Amino acid sequence: MKGNSFYFAAAALAGLVIVLEGNIALSLFAVFLMYLFALIKRFSKMLILLLFITLLIFACRGYFAEKGNHSVLSGAEKTFQLELSEMKIDGNSLSVNSRDRKTGEKLLLAYKLDSQKEKQLLRNNLVPGLVCHVDGILEKPMQAANPNGFDYRLYLERKQTFWILEADSLMLSRCSGTASHPVAKIKRLRQSGIAYIETEFPGSLAPLAAALVFGERGLMDTSLLEDYQKLGIVHLLAISGLHVGLLAAMILYIGKRAGVPSKRMKFLLLLFLPVYAVLTGGAPSVTRAVLMLMCMLIYSLAARGKKKLQPIDAVSSVFAVCLFFSPHIVYEPGFQLSFCVSFALIISAPSIFKNLNHWISQSVAVSLAAQLASAPIILFFFYEISLFALFANLLYIPFFSFILLPGILLGFLLHILSGGNAGLILQVLEWSAGMANLAAGKLGSLPGAVLVLGKPSGPALAMYITGVPALLIIWERKKEHFTLKMVAGMLLLFSFQPLEQKFSPKGEITFLDVGQGDSILVSLPYGKGDYLIDTGGRLQFETEEWEKRKDIFDPGKDIVVPFLKSRGISRLDRLILTHGDADHIGGAAGVLDEIKINEIVFPRGGEGGELENLL
């Protein structure tokens, strides 16, 4: 296994995807590529056989995962006994991940809150593990209504959730007892910790603290998240290998200073890490980091420190374990990004780092390799890449690693242990976080912060899959003129999509489903023009402050803009507004915020003049 674990991970992925995608041509092509690669690498017959067996095992695992991924409920059920899990409250909307105790099936409980009093009551009393009797109607989640749109139904199905339970009411009198299993207890502790940060920390620091301590980004302002995303540093707000490694190092250091034997500290760390994974939300990035560290600790203890588990063996083993126990996780962007970047850095870093002695040059190399490895996945899911990512990561990673993350962890512990007497450290952290957020906002709003390329087509995806490894290999070998080759290769690679769109002979008219109202995109052949007719919109009604949602749905921002970006459109030749009714131009402001427009056309006079003047 040693030295070949990466190939077993690749075989596992191939076997799983072959079945989950159900594409015969893809299946045969994948098997052919693997066999060809094995011949080129001159693998032994035994190794080829073992790789093929691995592929078959994971293909079978994928088959049974797909076969068992269905609901056992008919949809006619009305009454349920639910064990509640994570809760989210946004304005007058409450949603809770839950499990039906009778069938064991996951349900997403949705409830519209009636009053501020009820909102506060449920916020304080609904905890993970609570068992409640709930009456309601089962509804199927929404499917994608537009090309490249988010398919909420498919997203939930891959998490084994097939129904949304629209509750008639949610009364605490119908809830009794809480589950006593360890996971529920840890989740209750997590919810309490997040609530503590929300109420006790300064308002501007609390969202960042909740994200870095518990992996909870629900408190963060949407615009701030967008700023971090535009800079390519949103990964710093998710618990990952950086956070897990720093925390583990801090724990081992404290144990060493306290005189605790190294072996005992490693055992304690092994017990703590699974708890930490649940405590921080169990995202793919934290799961990967925790399992990798556990593998390395177990190997170290078993070998009594004489041998170390190689990082590539650790990450490959964890990758295969994750795929086996949760096959559909392969579709999650966080999972793909976490492992893709890890594999790229572990495989390429030793060669890339040769002759790089300064930490700045090493940091630039790591950041560039990570950006290259993650670019195809980011484009596939989010349609744009940050042009400031390299610079921003060089600034923000040291700041988060050595100042903000340790400071917030220390401040959180001191605040609890001292009974709230950690005001000074929180003030310093609040100022530091405020400066970081301000800088992110300024940098993210600069022209050219992001490059919109769109969702890669099949040929473009093939280019990325072959081109990115080729660039990393050129970099590793560092032969003559490798810098010129790298620059030329990157320009060629990231020019493919714009050129593909520019020389496409297809014209297209797309009628978007924006709910109320209309929105139509007309794209001319050979990239000669893109025209948007209306933007959709929705009527706004007066609501009380407690009812207002954090991110109000806007068809322009939430439907039209993502669709345009998925087509690689960052500039419209013309926006045509047929008339001033809110359901036709209400989303225009959201479009104008994100998309450059050469010309806006709308009729003079008529109704809706106020909205037209607003534009």
Foldseek 3Di string as FASTA:
>chain_A
DPPCLQLLLLLLVLLQCCQLVVDPVSNVVSLVVSVVVCVVVVPDPVVVVVSPVSSPVNNVLNNVCVVPLDDPDPQPDFKFWWQWFDWDDFFQKIWTWIAGPVPRAIEIEIEGHDDPVVVVVCLVPDAGQKIFMFGFGWDFDAQAQFVVGDGVQVVVSLVSYGTYGYTPDGDPVRIDDGDDDPLRVLRRVLSVLLVCLCPQFPLLCSQQLNQLQQVDNSSPFPLLCLLCVLQVNNVLSGDALLSLVLVLVVQQVVCVVVVHDNLVSLVVLLVVLVSSCSSNPVDLRSQLNSQLSNVQSVVCVVVVNPDTDQSVNSSSVSSSVCCSVRVSCVPPLRNQLNSQLSNQCSVLVVLLCVPPDDPLVSLLVSQVSSCLSSVLSCCQNQQKHFPNNSVLCSVVVCCCNPPQSVLSVVLSVCCVVVVRPSVVSSVVNSVVSVVVSVVSSVLSPDPPRMQGLANDDPVLSVLSVVLSVVLSVLSSVVDPPSVVVNVVSVCVSSVVRVQCQQQAQDWDKTWGCLPFATKIWTAHGNRPFIEIEFQFADDDDDDDPSNHGSDDDASLQNPVVSVCSNSSAQEHAEYEYADQDRRGHVNVVNNVVGHHYNYYHYDPDDPNVVSVVVD
